[in-house]
Amino acid sequence: MSDPLGWTAQGLETINGDMDAAAGRIVKLAGEYDARTIVVGYPLNMNGTSGFRAERTDEFISALSKTAEEASLELVVIKWDERLTSAEAARIMRDTGGRPTARKTREKGKLDVLSAAILLQSYLDKAKLPIN
């Protein structure tokens, strides 16, 4: 989630479950926070190509759009390159005494929330650049 001015990203929560349940939770949160744009991490390969994970993400984006439409919520969904966000989040966790490779759900959830905040912050930073 970003602040109202779109300057900073903060982690909100980890959403688990199947695609439809996750889409439903995101749409519910979007309604609660009056969000109109959802930035979805798009898992490209390191060479920039898309693979199976990107196809699954496209399916999720379709489910998210359908769920928003059913809820009469107008959302813009933006695909954003997520390469290396988890690696950056893991580095930050290690640097601050966390255990990013821990198998505990709690630690994995922290890594996911931090990765999502990094992804959103990269989008927000790019959105602020002047367009030539």
N, C-alpha and C. Protein backbone atom coordinates (compact mmCIF):
# COMPACT_ATOMS: atom_id res chain seq x y z
N MET A 1 0.85 -1.16 0.00
CA MET A 1 0.00 0.00 0.00
C MET A 1 0.89 1.23 0.00
N SER A 2 0.47 2.25 -0.72
CA SER A 2 1.25 3.49 -0.69
C SER A 2 0.52 4.52 0.18
N ASP A 3 1.25 5.57 0.54
CA ASP A 3 0.62 6.68 1.25
C ASP A 3 -0.30 7.39 0.26
N PRO A 4 -1.19 8.26 0.74
CA PRO A 4 -2.15 8.91 -0.16
C PRO A 4 -1.51 9.71 -1.30
N LEU A 5 -0.30 10.21 -1.11
CA LEU A 5 0.36 10.98 -2.16
C LEU A 5 1.14 10.10 -3.14
N GLY A 6 1.26 8.82 -2.85
CA GLY A 6 1.99 7.91 -3.73
C GLY A 6 3.50 8.05 -3.65
N TRP A 7 4.01 8.45 -2.48
CA TRP A 7 5.45 8.62 -2.33
C TRP A 7 6.14 7.40 -1.76
N THR A 8 5.50 6.73 -0.79
CA THR A 8 6.17 5.61 -0.12
C THR A 8 5.29 4.37 -0.10
N ALA A 9 5.94 3.24 -0.15
CA ALA A 9 5.25 1.95 -0.09
C ALA A 9 5.43 1.35 1.29
N GLN A 10 4.38 0.76 1.80
CA GLN A 10 4.42 0.04 3.07
C GLN A 10 3.83 -1.34 2.87
N GLY A 11 4.37 -2.31 3.60
CA GLY A 11 3.80 -3.65 3.55
C GLY A 11 2.47 -3.67 4.27
N LEU A 12 1.57 -4.51 3.81
CA LEU A 12 0.24 -4.58 4.42
C LEU A 12 0.01 -5.94 5.06
N GLU A 13 -0.06 -6.97 4.24
CA GLU A 13 -0.26 -8.32 4.76
C GLU A 13 0.12 -9.32 3.70
N THR A 14 0.36 -10.54 4.12
CA THR A 14 0.59 -11.64 3.19
C THR A 14 -0.76 -12.29 2.92
N ILE A 15 -1.05 -12.52 1.66
CA ILE A 15 -2.32 -13.14 1.29
C ILE A 15 -2.04 -14.52 0.75
N ASN A 16 -2.59 -15.51 1.41
CA ASN A 16 -2.42 -16.90 0.99
C ASN A 16 -3.75 -17.43 0.48
N GLY A 17 -3.68 -18.54 -0.17
CA GLY A 17 -4.90 -19.16 -0.67
C GLY A 17 -4.87 -19.32 -2.17
N ASP A 18 -5.95 -19.85 -2.69
CA ASP A 18 -6.00 -20.05 -4.13
C ASP A 18 -6.20 -18.71 -4.84
N MET A 19 -6.15 -18.76 -6.14
CA MET A 19 -6.19 -17.55 -6.96
C MET A 19 -7.45 -16.73 -6.71
N ASP A 20 -8.61 -17.38 -6.65
CA ASP A 20 -9.86 -16.66 -6.47
C ASP A 20 -9.94 -16.03 -5.08
N ALA A 21 -9.50 -16.77 -4.06
CA ALA A 21 -9.51 -16.23 -2.69
C ALA A 21 -8.57 -15.04 -2.57
N ALA A 22 -7.39 -15.14 -3.17
CA ALA A 22 -6.43 -14.04 -3.13
C ALA A 22 -6.97 -12.83 -3.87
N ALA A 23 -7.58 -13.03 -5.02
CA ALA A 23 -8.17 -11.93 -5.78
C ALA A 23 -9.28 -11.26 -4.96
N GLY A 24 -10.09 -12.07 -4.30
CA GLY A 24 -11.17 -11.53 -3.47
C GLY A 24 -10.64 -10.68 -2.33
N ARG A 25 -9.58 -11.14 -1.68
CA ARG A 25 -9.00 -10.38 -0.56
C ARG A 25 -8.40 -9.06 -1.06
N ILE A 26 -7.72 -9.10 -2.18
CA ILE A 26 -7.11 -7.88 -2.72
C ILE A 26 -8.20 -6.87 -3.10
N VAL A 27 -9.25 -7.32 -3.73
CA VAL A 27 -10.34 -6.42 -4.10
C VAL A 27 -10.99 -5.84 -2.84
N LYS A 28 -11.15 -6.66 -1.82
CA LYS A 28 -11.72 -6.17 -0.56
C LYS A 28 -10.83 -5.09 0.04
N LEU A 29 -9.53 -5.33 0.08
CA LEU A 29 -8.59 -4.34 0.61
C LEU A 29 -8.60 -3.07 -0.24
N ALA A 30 -8.67 -3.23 -1.56
CA ALA A 30 -8.71 -2.07 -2.45
C ALA A 30 -9.93 -1.21 -2.13
N GLY A 31 -11.04 -1.85 -1.88
CA GLY A 31 -12.24 -1.10 -1.53
C GLY A 31 -12.11 -0.40 -0.18
N GLU A 32 -11.53 -1.10 0.80
CA GLU A 32 -11.36 -0.52 2.13
C GLU A 32 -10.42 0.69 2.11
N TYR A 33 -9.38 0.62 1.30
CA TYR A 33 -8.38 1.68 1.26
C TYR A 33 -8.60 2.67 0.11
N ASP A 34 -9.69 2.50 -0.60
CA ASP A 34 -10.03 3.35 -1.73
C ASP A 34 -8.92 3.37 -2.78
N ALA A 35 -8.31 2.22 -2.99
CA ALA A 35 -7.25 2.08 -4.01
C ALA A 35 -7.90 1.91 -5.37
N ARG A 36 -7.27 2.48 -6.37
CA ARG A 36 -7.78 2.35 -7.73
C ARG A 36 -6.76 1.74 -8.67
N THR A 37 -5.53 1.56 -8.19
CA THR A 37 -4.48 0.94 -9.00
C THR A 37 -3.87 -0.20 -8.20
N ILE A 38 -3.71 -1.33 -8.84
CA ILE A 38 -3.05 -2.49 -8.23
C ILE A 38 -1.81 -2.79 -9.07
N VAL A 39 -0.66 -2.85 -8.43
CA VAL A 39 0.59 -3.19 -9.11
C VAL A 39 0.87 -4.65 -8.79
N VAL A 40 0.94 -5.46 -9.83
CA VAL A 40 1.16 -6.90 -9.68
C VAL A 40 2.57 -7.23 -10.14
N GLY A 41 3.31 -7.92 -9.29
CA GLY A 41 4.65 -8.36 -9.67
C GLY A 41 4.58 -9.32 -10.82
N TYR A 42 5.32 -9.02 -11.88
CA TYR A 42 5.31 -9.87 -13.08
C TYR A 42 6.64 -10.61 -13.16
N PRO A 43 6.59 -11.93 -13.04
CA PRO A 43 7.80 -12.75 -12.93
C PRO A 43 8.46 -13.07 -14.28
N LEU A 44 9.24 -12.14 -14.77
CA LEU A 44 9.99 -12.39 -16.00
C LEU A 44 11.25 -13.19 -15.68
N ASN A 45 11.72 -13.93 -16.67
CA ASN A 45 13.01 -14.62 -16.54
C ASN A 45 14.11 -13.56 -16.57
N MET A 46 15.30 -13.92 -16.13
CA MET A 46 16.39 -12.96 -16.07
C MET A 46 16.73 -12.39 -17.45
N ASN A 47 16.43 -13.13 -18.52
CA ASN A 47 16.71 -12.62 -19.87
C ASN A 47 15.54 -11.79 -20.42
N GLY A 48 14.53 -11.54 -19.60
CA GLY A 48 13.41 -10.69 -20.01
C GLY A 48 12.25 -11.42 -20.66
N THR A 49 12.39 -12.72 -20.86
CA THR A 49 11.29 -13.49 -21.46
C THR A 49 10.30 -13.90 -20.38
N SER A 50 9.10 -14.27 -20.82
CA SER A 50 8.11 -14.76 -19.87
C SER A 50 7.99 -16.27 -20.01
N GLY A 51 7.65 -16.90 -18.91
CA GLY A 51 7.52 -18.36 -18.88
C GLY A 51 6.24 -18.76 -18.17
N PHE A 52 6.28 -19.95 -17.59
CA PHE A 52 5.10 -20.51 -16.92
C PHE A 52 4.60 -19.61 -15.80
N ARG A 53 5.49 -19.10 -14.97
CA ARG A 53 5.07 -18.25 -13.86
C ARG A 53 4.38 -16.98 -14.36
N ALA A 54 4.84 -16.43 -15.47
CA ALA A 54 4.20 -15.25 -16.04
C ALA A 54 2.79 -15.61 -16.55
N GLU A 55 2.65 -16.79 -17.13
CA GLU A 55 1.33 -17.24 -17.58
C GLU A 55 0.37 -17.36 -16.40
N ARG A 56 0.86 -17.90 -15.30
CA ARG A 56 0.03 -18.02 -14.08
C ARG A 56 -0.33 -16.63 -13.55
N THR A 57 0.59 -15.70 -13.64
CA THR A 57 0.32 -14.34 -13.19
C THR A 57 -0.74 -13.69 -14.08
N ASP A 58 -0.67 -13.94 -15.37
CA ASP A 58 -1.70 -13.43 -16.28
C ASP A 58 -3.07 -13.99 -15.90
N GLU A 59 -3.13 -15.26 -15.54
CA GLU A 59 -4.38 -15.87 -15.09
C GLU A 59 -4.88 -15.19 -13.82
N PHE A 60 -3.95 -14.90 -12.91
CA PHE A 60 -4.31 -14.22 -11.67
C PHE A 60 -4.84 -12.81 -11.96
N ILE A 61 -4.20 -12.10 -12.86
CA ILE A 61 -4.65 -10.75 -13.22
C ILE A 61 -6.07 -10.81 -13.79
N SER A 62 -6.35 -11.82 -14.59
CA SER A 62 -7.71 -11.98 -15.12
C SER A 62 -8.71 -12.23 -14.00
N ALA A 63 -8.34 -13.09 -13.04
CA ALA A 63 -9.21 -13.36 -11.89
C ALA A 63 -9.41 -12.10 -11.06
N LEU A 64 -8.36 -11.32 -10.88
CA LEU A 64 -8.43 -10.08 -10.12
C LEU A 64 -9.36 -9.08 -10.81
N SER A 65 -9.21 -8.92 -12.11
CA SER A 65 -10.06 -8.00 -12.87
C SER A 65 -11.52 -8.43 -12.83
N LYS A 66 -11.76 -9.72 -12.96
CA LYS A 66 -13.13 -10.24 -12.91
C LYS A 66 -13.76 -10.00 -11.54
N THR A 67 -13.00 -10.25 -10.48
CA THR A 67 -13.49 -10.07 -9.13
C THR A 67 -13.79 -8.59 -8.86
N ALA A 68 -12.93 -7.70 -9.34
CA ALA A 68 -13.16 -6.26 -9.17
C ALA A 68 -14.42 -5.84 -9.91
N GLU A 69 -14.60 -6.35 -11.12
CA GLU A 69 -15.78 -6.01 -11.91
C GLU A 69 -17.05 -6.48 -11.20
N GLU A 70 -17.01 -7.70 -10.66
CA GLU A 70 -18.17 -8.23 -9.94
C GLU A 70 -18.49 -7.39 -8.71
N ALA A 71 -17.47 -6.78 -8.11
CA ALA A 71 -17.65 -5.94 -6.93
C ALA A 71 -17.92 -4.48 -7.32
N SER A 72 -18.08 -4.23 -8.60
CA SER A 72 -18.31 -2.86 -9.12
C SER A 72 -17.21 -1.91 -8.68
N LEU A 73 -15.99 -2.39 -8.71
CA LEU A 73 -14.84 -1.59 -8.33
C LEU A 73 -13.96 -1.41 -9.56
N GLU A 74 -13.73 -0.18 -9.95
CA GLU A 74 -12.89 0.09 -11.11
C GLU A 74 -11.43 0.10 -10.66
N LEU A 75 -10.68 -0.88 -11.13
CA LEU A 75 -9.27 -1.00 -10.79
C LEU A 75 -8.44 -1.03 -12.06
N VAL A 76 -7.32 -0.34 -12.01
CA VAL A 76 -6.32 -0.45 -13.06
C VAL A 76 -5.28 -1.43 -12.53
N VAL A 77 -4.98 -2.47 -13.29
CA VAL A 77 -3.99 -3.46 -12.88
C VAL A 77 -2.74 -3.27 -13.74
N ILE A 78 -1.62 -3.06 -13.08
CA ILE A 78 -0.35 -2.82 -13.76
C ILE A 78 0.60 -3.98 -13.50
N LYS A 79 1.15 -4.55 -14.57
CA LYS A 79 2.19 -5.58 -14.44
C LYS A 79 3.52 -4.86 -14.23
N TRP A 80 4.27 -5.29 -13.22
CA TRP A 80 5.54 -4.64 -12.93
C TRP A 80 6.62 -5.70 -12.73
N ASP A 81 7.71 -5.54 -13.42
CA ASP A 81 8.83 -6.49 -13.38
C ASP A 81 9.27 -6.71 -11.93
N GLU A 82 9.20 -7.96 -11.49
CA GLU A 82 9.56 -8.25 -10.11
C GLU A 82 10.94 -8.90 -9.96
N ARG A 83 11.69 -8.95 -11.04
CA ARG A 83 13.01 -9.59 -10.94
C ARG A 83 13.84 -8.97 -9.84
N LEU A 84 14.41 -9.82 -9.04
CA LEU A 84 15.35 -9.48 -7.96
C LEU A 84 14.72 -8.80 -6.75
N THR A 85 13.41 -8.63 -6.69
CA THR A 85 12.82 -8.03 -5.50
C THR A 85 12.96 -8.95 -4.29
N SER A 86 12.79 -10.25 -4.48
CA SER A 86 12.95 -11.18 -3.35
C SER A 86 14.39 -11.23 -2.88
N ALA A 87 15.33 -11.16 -3.83
CA ALA A 87 16.74 -11.16 -3.45
C ALA A 87 17.07 -9.89 -2.65
N GLU A 88 16.54 -8.76 -3.07
CA GLU A 88 16.77 -7.51 -2.34
C GLU A 88 16.13 -7.57 -0.96
N ALA A 89 14.93 -8.11 -0.88
CA ALA A 89 14.25 -8.24 0.41
C ALA A 89 15.04 -9.17 1.34
N ALA A 90 15.56 -10.27 0.80
CA ALA A 90 16.35 -11.20 1.61
C ALA A 90 17.61 -10.52 2.13
N ARG A 91 18.25 -9.71 1.28
CA ARG A 91 19.45 -8.99 1.71
C ARG A 91 19.13 -8.03 2.84
N ILE A 92 18.04 -7.30 2.70
CA ILE A 92 17.63 -6.36 3.75
C ILE A 92 17.33 -7.10 5.04
N MET A 93 16.64 -8.23 4.94
CA MET A 93 16.33 -9.00 6.14
C MET A 93 17.61 -9.49 6.82
N ARG A 94 18.55 -10.00 6.02
CA ARG A 94 19.83 -10.46 6.60
C ARG A 94 20.55 -9.30 7.27
N ASP A 95 20.59 -8.14 6.60
CA ASP A 95 21.29 -6.98 7.13
C ASP A 95 20.67 -6.45 8.43
N THR A 96 19.39 -6.74 8.63
CA THR A 96 18.71 -6.26 9.83
C THR A 96 18.47 -7.38 10.84
N GLY A 97 19.16 -8.51 10.66
CA GLY A 97 19.08 -9.60 11.63
C GLY A 97 17.97 -10.60 11.41
N GLY A 98 17.29 -10.52 10.29
CA GLY A 98 16.22 -11.47 9.98
C GLY A 98 16.77 -12.75 9.38
N ARG A 99 15.90 -13.72 9.20
CA ARG A 99 16.29 -15.00 8.61
C ARG A 99 15.42 -15.25 7.38
N PRO A 100 15.79 -14.67 6.25
CA PRO A 100 14.92 -14.77 5.06
C PRO A 100 14.77 -16.18 4.50
N THR A 101 15.69 -17.07 4.84
CA THR A 101 15.59 -18.42 4.30
C THR A 101 14.90 -19.37 5.28
N ALA A 102 14.43 -18.84 6.40
CA ALA A 102 13.73 -19.69 7.38
C ALA A 102 12.48 -20.27 6.74
N ARG A 103 12.19 -21.49 7.07
CA ARG A 103 11.03 -22.15 6.48
C ARG A 103 9.74 -21.82 7.23
N LYS A 104 9.86 -21.14 8.32
CA LYS A 104 8.68 -20.78 9.10
C LYS A 104 7.78 -19.87 8.27
N THR A 105 6.49 -20.12 8.33
CA THR A 105 5.53 -19.31 7.60
C THR A 105 5.65 -17.84 7.98
N ARG A 106 5.91 -17.57 9.27
CA ARG A 106 6.02 -16.19 9.73
C ARG A 106 7.17 -15.47 9.03
N GLU A 107 8.32 -16.12 8.91
CA GLU A 107 9.47 -15.49 8.24
C GLU A 107 9.22 -15.35 6.74
N LYS A 108 8.61 -16.36 6.14
CA LYS A 108 8.29 -16.29 4.72
C LYS A 108 7.31 -15.15 4.46
N GLY A 109 6.35 -14.99 5.34
CA GLY A 109 5.39 -13.90 5.21
C GLY A 109 6.06 -12.54 5.28
N LYS A 110 7.03 -12.39 6.18
CA LYS A 110 7.77 -11.12 6.29
C LYS A 110 8.54 -10.84 4.99
N LEU A 111 9.15 -11.88 4.43
CA LEU A 111 9.89 -11.73 3.18
C LEU A 111 8.95 -11.31 2.05
N ASP A 112 7.79 -11.92 1.99
CA ASP A 112 6.81 -11.60 0.95
C ASP A 112 6.31 -10.16 1.07
N VAL A 113 6.02 -9.72 2.29
CA VAL A 113 5.54 -8.35 2.49
C VAL A 113 6.62 -7.34 2.11
N LEU A 114 7.86 -7.62 2.51
CA LEU A 114 8.96 -6.72 2.17
C LEU A 114 9.21 -6.70 0.66
N SER A 115 9.15 -7.86 0.02
CA SER A 115 9.32 -7.93 -1.44
C SER A 115 8.24 -7.11 -2.15
N ALA A 116 7.01 -7.21 -1.68
CA ALA A 116 5.91 -6.46 -2.28
C ALA A 116 6.12 -4.96 -2.10
N ALA A 117 6.60 -4.56 -0.93
CA ALA A 117 6.85 -3.12 -0.69
C ALA A 117 7.97 -2.62 -1.60
N ILE A 118 9.00 -3.42 -1.80
CA ILE A 118 10.09 -3.04 -2.70
C ILE A 118 9.57 -2.90 -4.13
N LEU A 119 8.75 -3.84 -4.55
CA LEU A 119 8.16 -3.79 -5.89
C LEU A 119 7.33 -2.53 -6.07
N LEU A 120 6.46 -2.24 -5.11
CA LEU A 120 5.62 -1.06 -5.21
C LEU A 120 6.45 0.22 -5.18
N GLN A 121 7.48 0.25 -4.33
CA GLN A 121 8.31 1.44 -4.27
C GLN A 121 9.01 1.69 -5.60
N SER A 122 9.44 0.61 -6.28
CA SER A 122 10.10 0.80 -7.58
C SER A 122 9.11 1.37 -8.59
N TYR A 123 7.85 0.93 -8.53
CA TYR A 123 6.82 1.49 -9.40
C TYR A 123 6.58 2.96 -9.08
N LEU A 124 6.43 3.28 -7.80
CA LEU A 124 6.16 4.66 -7.39
C LEU A 124 7.30 5.58 -7.80
N ASP A 125 8.54 5.10 -7.62
CA ASP A 125 9.69 5.92 -8.00
C ASP A 125 9.70 6.19 -9.50
N LYS A 126 9.41 5.19 -10.28
CA LYS A 126 9.38 5.35 -11.74
C LYS A 126 8.23 6.26 -12.17
N ALA A 127 7.10 6.15 -11.51
CA ALA A 127 5.93 6.96 -11.86
C ALA A 127 6.17 8.44 -11.62
N LYS A 128 7.09 8.77 -10.72
CA LYS A 128 7.37 10.17 -10.41
C LYS A 128 8.34 10.82 -11.39
N LEU A 129 8.98 10.01 -12.21
CA LEU A 129 9.94 10.56 -13.17
C LEU A 129 9.22 11.35 -14.24
N PRO A 130 9.79 12.45 -14.69
CA PRO A 130 9.14 13.19 -15.78
C PRO A 130 9.14 12.37 -17.07
N ILE A 131 8.07 12.48 -17.79
CA ILE A 131 7.93 11.75 -19.05
C ILE A 131 8.33 12.69 -20.18
N ASN A 132 9.29 12.27 -21.00
CA ASN A 132 9.76 13.10 -22.11
C ASN A 132 9.05 12.71 -23.39
